[in-house]
N, C-alpha and C. Protein backbone atom coordinates (compact mmCIF):
# COMPACT_ATOMS: atom_id res chain seq x y z
N UNK A 1 -18.77 -4.79 -2.41
CA UNK A 1 -17.45 -5.40 -2.31
C UNK A 1 -16.44 -4.43 -1.71
N UNK A 2 -16.43 -3.18 -2.18
CA UNK A 2 -15.51 -2.18 -1.64
C UNK A 2 -15.80 -1.91 -0.17
N UNK A 3 -17.09 -2.04 0.25
CA UNK A 3 -17.44 -1.82 1.65
C UNK A 3 -16.71 -2.78 2.57
N UNK A 4 -16.51 -4.03 2.12
CA UNK A 4 -15.80 -5.02 2.92
C UNK A 4 -14.32 -4.65 3.05
N UNK A 5 -13.80 -3.92 2.09
CA UNK A 5 -12.38 -3.55 2.10
C UNK A 5 -12.11 -2.33 2.98
N UNK A 6 -13.13 -1.56 3.32
CA UNK A 6 -12.94 -0.31 4.07
C UNK A 6 -12.19 -0.49 5.39
N UNK A 7 -12.55 -1.47 6.25
CA UNK A 7 -11.81 -1.62 7.50
C UNK A 7 -10.33 -1.96 7.26
N UNK A 8 -10.08 -2.77 6.25
CA UNK A 8 -8.71 -3.16 5.91
C UNK A 8 -7.94 -1.93 5.41
N UNK A 9 -8.57 -1.13 4.56
CA UNK A 9 -7.95 0.08 4.04
C UNK A 9 -7.65 1.05 5.18
N UNK A 10 -8.58 1.22 6.10
CA UNK A 10 -8.38 2.11 7.25
C UNK A 10 -7.18 1.68 8.07
N UNK A 11 -7.06 0.38 8.32
CA UNK A 11 -5.93 -0.14 9.09
C UNK A 11 -4.62 0.11 8.35
N UNK A 12 -4.60 -0.11 7.04
CA UNK A 12 -3.40 0.12 6.22
C UNK A 12 -2.99 1.59 6.32
N UNK A 13 -3.94 2.50 6.12
CA UNK A 13 -3.61 3.93 6.15
C UNK A 13 -3.15 4.37 7.53
N UNK A 14 -3.77 3.85 8.57
CA UNK A 14 -3.38 4.19 9.94
C UNK A 14 -1.96 3.68 10.22
N UNK A 15 -1.67 2.46 9.79
CA UNK A 15 -0.35 1.87 9.99
C UNK A 15 0.73 2.69 9.28
N UNK A 16 0.46 3.06 8.04
CA UNK A 16 1.44 3.85 7.28
C UNK A 16 1.65 5.22 7.91
N UNK A 17 0.56 5.81 8.41
CA UNK A 17 0.67 7.11 9.08
C UNK A 17 1.52 6.98 10.35
N UNK A 18 1.26 5.93 11.13
CA UNK A 18 2.03 5.70 12.37
C UNK A 18 3.51 5.54 12.07
N UNK A 19 3.83 4.94 10.92
CA UNK A 19 5.23 4.67 10.56
C UNK A 19 5.84 5.77 9.70
N UNK A 20 5.15 6.90 9.61
CA UNK A 20 5.64 8.10 8.92
C UNK A 20 5.93 7.87 7.43
N UNK A 21 5.05 7.12 6.78
CA UNK A 21 5.16 6.95 5.33
C UNK A 21 4.96 8.32 4.67
N UNK A 22 5.58 8.51 3.52
CA UNK A 22 5.49 9.77 2.82
C UNK A 22 4.66 9.62 1.55
N UNK A 23 3.97 10.71 1.19
CA UNK A 23 3.20 10.77 -0.05
C UNK A 23 2.30 9.55 -0.25
N UNK A 24 1.44 9.32 0.73
CA UNK A 24 0.52 8.18 0.67
C UNK A 24 -0.63 8.52 -0.28
N UNK A 25 -0.84 7.64 -1.25
CA UNK A 25 -1.90 7.83 -2.24
C UNK A 25 -2.76 6.57 -2.25
N UNK A 26 -4.08 6.76 -2.22
CA UNK A 26 -5.02 5.64 -2.31
C UNK A 26 -5.72 5.72 -3.65
N UNK A 27 -5.73 4.60 -4.37
CA UNK A 27 -6.37 4.54 -5.68
C UNK A 27 -7.48 3.49 -5.63
N UNK A 28 -8.69 3.92 -5.93
CA UNK A 28 -9.83 2.99 -6.00
C UNK A 28 -9.70 2.19 -7.30
N UNK A 29 -9.73 0.87 -7.18
CA UNK A 29 -9.56 0.01 -8.36
C UNK A 29 -10.86 -0.57 -8.87
N UNK A 30 -11.96 -0.31 -8.18
CA UNK A 30 -13.25 -0.86 -8.60
C UNK A 30 -13.54 -0.44 -10.04
N UNK A 31 -13.82 -1.41 -10.88
CA UNK A 31 -14.09 -1.15 -12.28
C UNK A 31 -12.83 -1.07 -13.13
N UNK A 32 -11.65 -1.05 -12.49
CA UNK A 32 -10.38 -1.00 -13.22
C UNK A 32 -9.64 -2.33 -13.17
N UNK A 33 -9.84 -3.07 -12.08
CA UNK A 33 -9.11 -4.32 -11.88
C UNK A 33 -9.87 -5.22 -10.94
N UNK A 34 -9.71 -6.52 -11.15
CA UNK A 34 -10.35 -7.48 -10.25
C UNK A 34 -9.37 -7.97 -9.18
N UNK A 35 -8.12 -7.47 -9.18
CA UNK A 35 -7.14 -7.96 -8.21
C UNK A 35 -7.40 -7.45 -6.80
N UNK A 36 -7.99 -6.27 -6.68
CA UNK A 36 -8.23 -5.68 -5.37
C UNK A 36 -9.21 -4.52 -5.52
N UNK A 37 -9.71 -4.03 -4.39
CA UNK A 37 -10.60 -2.87 -4.40
C UNK A 37 -9.82 -1.56 -4.32
N UNK A 38 -8.66 -1.62 -3.64
CA UNK A 38 -7.85 -0.42 -3.47
C UNK A 38 -6.37 -0.74 -3.64
N UNK A 39 -5.65 0.25 -4.13
CA UNK A 39 -4.20 0.20 -4.16
C UNK A 39 -3.71 1.40 -3.36
N UNK A 40 -2.74 1.15 -2.50
CA UNK A 40 -2.14 2.22 -1.73
C UNK A 40 -0.67 2.27 -2.13
N UNK A 41 -0.20 3.46 -2.46
CA UNK A 41 1.20 3.68 -2.84
C UNK A 41 1.79 4.67 -1.84
N UNK A 42 2.96 4.32 -1.31
CA UNK A 42 3.60 5.21 -0.34
C UNK A 42 5.12 5.08 -0.45
N UNK A 43 5.80 6.07 0.09
CA UNK A 43 7.26 6.07 0.07
C UNK A 43 7.81 6.03 1.49
N UNK A 44 9.02 5.47 1.58
CA UNK A 44 9.80 5.52 2.80
C UNK A 44 11.11 6.22 2.48
N UNK A 45 11.75 6.76 3.49
CA UNK A 45 12.98 7.52 3.25
C UNK A 45 14.18 6.64 2.91
N UNK A 46 14.13 5.36 3.29
CA UNK A 46 15.26 4.46 3.08
C UNK A 46 14.75 3.03 2.93
N UNK A 47 15.64 2.15 2.48
CA UNK A 47 15.24 0.74 2.38
C UNK A 47 14.88 0.19 3.76
N UNK A 48 15.58 0.65 4.77
CA UNK A 48 15.29 0.18 6.13
C UNK A 48 13.88 0.57 6.56
N UNK A 49 13.48 1.83 6.28
CA UNK A 49 12.14 2.26 6.64
C UNK A 49 11.08 1.52 5.82
N UNK A 50 11.33 1.33 4.53
CA UNK A 50 10.38 0.61 3.67
C UNK A 50 10.16 -0.80 4.21
N UNK A 51 11.25 -1.49 4.53
CA UNK A 51 11.15 -2.86 5.06
C UNK A 51 10.40 -2.88 6.39
N UNK A 52 10.70 -1.93 7.27
CA UNK A 52 10.05 -1.88 8.58
C UNK A 52 8.55 -1.60 8.44
N UNK A 53 8.19 -0.68 7.54
CA UNK A 53 6.77 -0.37 7.33
C UNK A 53 6.03 -1.61 6.84
N UNK A 54 6.63 -2.35 5.91
CA UNK A 54 5.99 -3.55 5.37
C UNK A 54 5.80 -4.61 6.45
N UNK A 55 6.82 -4.84 7.25
CA UNK A 55 6.75 -5.86 8.29
C UNK A 55 5.74 -5.49 9.38
N UNK A 56 5.73 -4.23 9.77
CA UNK A 56 4.77 -3.79 10.79
C UNK A 56 3.35 -3.85 10.25
N UNK A 57 3.17 -3.47 9.00
CA UNK A 57 1.85 -3.53 8.39
C UNK A 57 1.34 -4.96 8.36
N UNK A 58 2.18 -5.89 7.94
CA UNK A 58 1.78 -7.30 7.90
C UNK A 58 1.40 -7.80 9.29
N UNK A 59 2.18 -7.41 10.29
CA UNK A 59 1.90 -7.81 11.67
C UNK A 59 0.56 -7.24 12.16
N UNK A 60 0.32 -5.97 11.86
CA UNK A 60 -0.93 -5.32 12.28
C UNK A 60 -2.14 -5.94 11.58
N UNK A 61 -2.01 -6.26 10.30
CA UNK A 61 -3.11 -6.91 9.58
C UNK A 61 -3.42 -8.27 10.18
N UNK A 62 -2.39 -9.03 10.47
CA UNK A 62 -2.57 -10.36 11.07
C UNK A 62 -3.24 -10.25 12.44
N UNK A 63 -2.74 -9.32 13.28
CA UNK A 63 -3.29 -9.13 14.63
C UNK A 63 -4.74 -8.66 14.60
N UNK A 64 -5.13 -7.97 13.53
CA UNK A 64 -6.50 -7.47 13.41
C UNK A 64 -7.45 -8.52 12.81
N UNK A 65 -6.91 -9.69 12.49
CA UNK A 65 -7.76 -10.77 11.98
C UNK A 65 -7.93 -10.78 10.47
N UNK A 66 -7.06 -10.10 9.75
CA UNK A 66 -7.15 -10.06 8.28
C UNK A 66 -6.27 -11.10 7.60
N UNK A 67 -5.77 -12.04 8.36
CA UNK A 67 -4.95 -13.11 7.78
C UNK A 67 -3.51 -12.70 7.61
N UNK A 68 -2.75 -13.59 6.96
CA UNK A 68 -1.32 -13.35 6.72
C UNK A 68 -1.13 -12.75 5.33
N UNK A 69 -0.83 -11.46 5.23
CA UNK A 69 -0.61 -10.88 3.90
C UNK A 69 0.70 -11.38 3.31
N UNK A 70 0.73 -11.50 1.99
CA UNK A 70 1.96 -11.87 1.30
C UNK A 70 2.81 -10.63 1.12
N UNK A 71 4.11 -10.79 1.31
CA UNK A 71 5.05 -9.68 1.13
C UNK A 71 6.07 -10.09 0.07
N UNK A 72 6.24 -9.24 -0.92
CA UNK A 72 7.25 -9.45 -1.97
C UNK A 72 8.20 -8.27 -1.94
N UNK A 73 9.49 -8.53 -2.18
CA UNK A 73 10.44 -7.44 -2.31
C UNK A 73 11.41 -7.28 -1.15
N UNK A 74 11.24 -8.06 -0.10
CA UNK A 74 12.22 -8.05 0.98
C UNK A 74 13.30 -9.07 0.60
N UNK A 75 14.54 -8.93 0.92
CA UNK A 75 15.12 -7.91 1.78
C UNK A 75 15.62 -6.66 1.05
N UNK A 76 15.60 -6.63 -0.28
CA UNK A 76 16.13 -5.46 -1.01
C UNK A 76 15.41 -4.18 -0.60
N UNK A 77 14.07 -4.25 -0.51
CA UNK A 77 13.23 -3.15 0.00
C UNK A 77 13.32 -1.86 -0.80
N UNK A 78 13.62 -1.95 -2.10
CA UNK A 78 13.49 -0.77 -2.96
C UNK A 78 12.02 -0.56 -3.30
N UNK A 79 11.33 -1.70 -3.51
CA UNK A 79 9.90 -1.72 -3.82
C UNK A 79 9.33 -2.96 -3.14
N UNK A 80 8.50 -2.77 -2.15
CA UNK A 80 7.91 -3.89 -1.43
C UNK A 80 6.41 -3.88 -1.67
N UNK A 81 5.88 -5.03 -2.03
CA UNK A 81 4.45 -5.18 -2.26
C UNK A 81 3.88 -5.98 -1.10
N UNK A 82 2.81 -5.46 -0.51
CA UNK A 82 2.10 -6.17 0.55
C UNK A 82 0.70 -6.46 0.00
N UNK A 83 0.42 -7.74 -0.17
CA UNK A 83 -0.89 -8.18 -0.70
C UNK A 83 -1.79 -8.48 0.48
N UNK A 84 -2.67 -7.54 0.79
CA UNK A 84 -3.58 -7.68 1.92
C UNK A 84 -4.99 -8.00 1.45
N UNK A 85 -5.09 -8.76 0.38
CA UNK A 85 -6.41 -9.15 -0.13
C UNK A 85 -7.05 -8.03 -0.92
N UNK A 86 -8.08 -7.40 -0.35
CA UNK A 86 -8.80 -6.33 -1.05
C UNK A 86 -7.98 -5.06 -1.20
N UNK A 87 -6.84 -4.99 -0.48
CA UNK A 87 -5.98 -3.81 -0.53
C UNK A 87 -4.56 -4.26 -0.88
N UNK A 88 -4.03 -3.70 -1.95
CA UNK A 88 -2.65 -3.97 -2.37
C UNK A 88 -1.83 -2.74 -2.01
N UNK A 89 -0.71 -2.95 -1.33
CA UNK A 89 0.11 -1.84 -0.87
C UNK A 89 1.49 -1.91 -1.53
N UNK A 90 1.89 -0.82 -2.15
CA UNK A 90 3.21 -0.69 -2.76
C UNK A 90 4.00 0.32 -1.94
N UNK A 91 5.13 -0.12 -1.41
CA UNK A 91 6.00 0.76 -0.63
C UNK A 91 7.31 0.91 -1.38
N UNK A 92 7.73 2.14 -1.59
CA UNK A 92 8.90 2.44 -2.42
C UNK A 92 9.91 3.33 -1.71
N UNK A 93 11.15 3.24 -2.17
CA UNK A 93 12.08 4.34 -1.96
C UNK A 93 11.69 5.39 -2.99
N UNK A 94 11.84 6.69 -2.69
CA UNK A 94 11.34 7.74 -3.59
C UNK A 94 11.84 7.63 -5.04
N UNK A 95 13.12 7.31 -5.24
CA UNK A 95 13.66 7.25 -6.60
C UNK A 95 13.01 6.13 -7.40
N UNK A 96 12.78 5.02 -6.74
CA UNK A 96 12.18 3.86 -7.41
C UNK A 96 10.71 4.16 -7.73
N UNK A 97 10.05 4.82 -6.81
CA UNK A 97 8.64 5.19 -7.02
C UNK A 97 8.48 6.10 -8.24
N UNK A 98 9.34 7.10 -8.36
CA UNK A 98 9.20 8.02 -9.48
C UNK A 98 9.53 7.32 -10.80
N UNK A 99 10.42 6.33 -10.76
CA UNK A 99 10.76 5.59 -11.98
C UNK A 99 9.55 4.79 -12.49
N UNK A 100 8.88 4.07 -11.59
CA UNK A 100 7.75 3.23 -12.01
C UNK A 100 6.44 4.00 -12.16
N UNK A 101 6.27 5.05 -11.38
CA UNK A 101 5.11 5.95 -11.50
C UNK A 101 3.77 5.20 -11.58
N UNK A 102 3.51 4.34 -10.62
CA UNK A 102 2.26 3.55 -10.61
C UNK A 102 1.01 4.41 -10.59
N UNK A 103 1.07 5.54 -9.90
CA UNK A 103 -0.11 6.40 -9.81
C UNK A 103 -0.58 6.79 -11.21
N UNK A 104 0.34 7.15 -12.07
CA UNK A 104 -0.03 7.56 -13.42
C UNK A 104 -0.56 6.37 -14.22
N UNK A 105 0.09 5.23 -14.06
CA UNK A 105 -0.33 4.04 -14.79
C UNK A 105 -1.77 3.64 -14.42
N UNK A 106 -2.13 3.81 -13.15
CA UNK A 106 -3.46 3.41 -12.68
C UNK A 106 -4.45 4.57 -12.68
N UNK A 107 -4.08 5.68 -13.29
CA UNK A 107 -5.03 6.76 -13.47
C UNK A 107 -5.30 7.58 -12.24
N UNK A 108 -4.24 7.91 -11.49
CA UNK A 108 -4.42 8.78 -10.34
C UNK A 108 -5.06 10.08 -10.80
N UNK A 109 -6.08 10.50 -10.09
CA UNK A 109 -6.80 11.71 -10.49
C UNK A 109 -8.20 11.36 -10.95
N UNK A 110 -8.33 10.23 -11.63
CA UNK A 110 -9.66 9.78 -12.04
C UNK A 110 -9.98 8.52 -11.27
N UNK A 111 -10.79 8.66 -10.24
CA UNK A 111 -11.18 7.52 -9.42
C UNK A 111 -10.25 7.29 -8.25
N UNK A 112 -9.25 8.12 -8.07
CA UNK A 112 -8.36 7.96 -6.93
C UNK A 112 -9.00 8.61 -5.72
N UNK A 113 -8.73 8.03 -4.57
CA UNK A 113 -9.32 8.55 -3.35
C UNK A 113 -8.55 9.77 -2.84
N UNK A 114 -7.33 9.95 -3.28
CA UNK A 114 -6.61 11.15 -2.91
C UNK A 114 -5.38 10.88 -2.09
N UNK A 115 -4.71 11.93 -1.73
CA UNK A 115 -3.48 11.84 -0.96
C UNK A 115 -3.82 12.01 0.50
N UNK A 116 -3.35 11.10 1.31
CA UNK A 116 -3.63 11.15 2.76
C UNK A 116 -2.59 11.99 3.45
């Protein structure tokens, strides 16, 4: 199942890298949750950057044939969730990210793929 998610995860990570996302963390969810195979958490410097990263990511996923991902959290863009099926992407402003601390909640360090 995770093998099917690999191309989608690669596209997500490449897109975030192209858009200069900060502190990108990939967490493997296999055995922890049935919602997805991977969770990616990243920060943007501003609400404008967070919104742009989410919109570009959704466009790139669609153009690559992965369907239309659902986006939650626009237009406020403090925390935007992009549901790309096997990969769930959380994009934050840094202050909001540290408040929610998803990495710790999902056990970053044990089963996490690491920081890109």
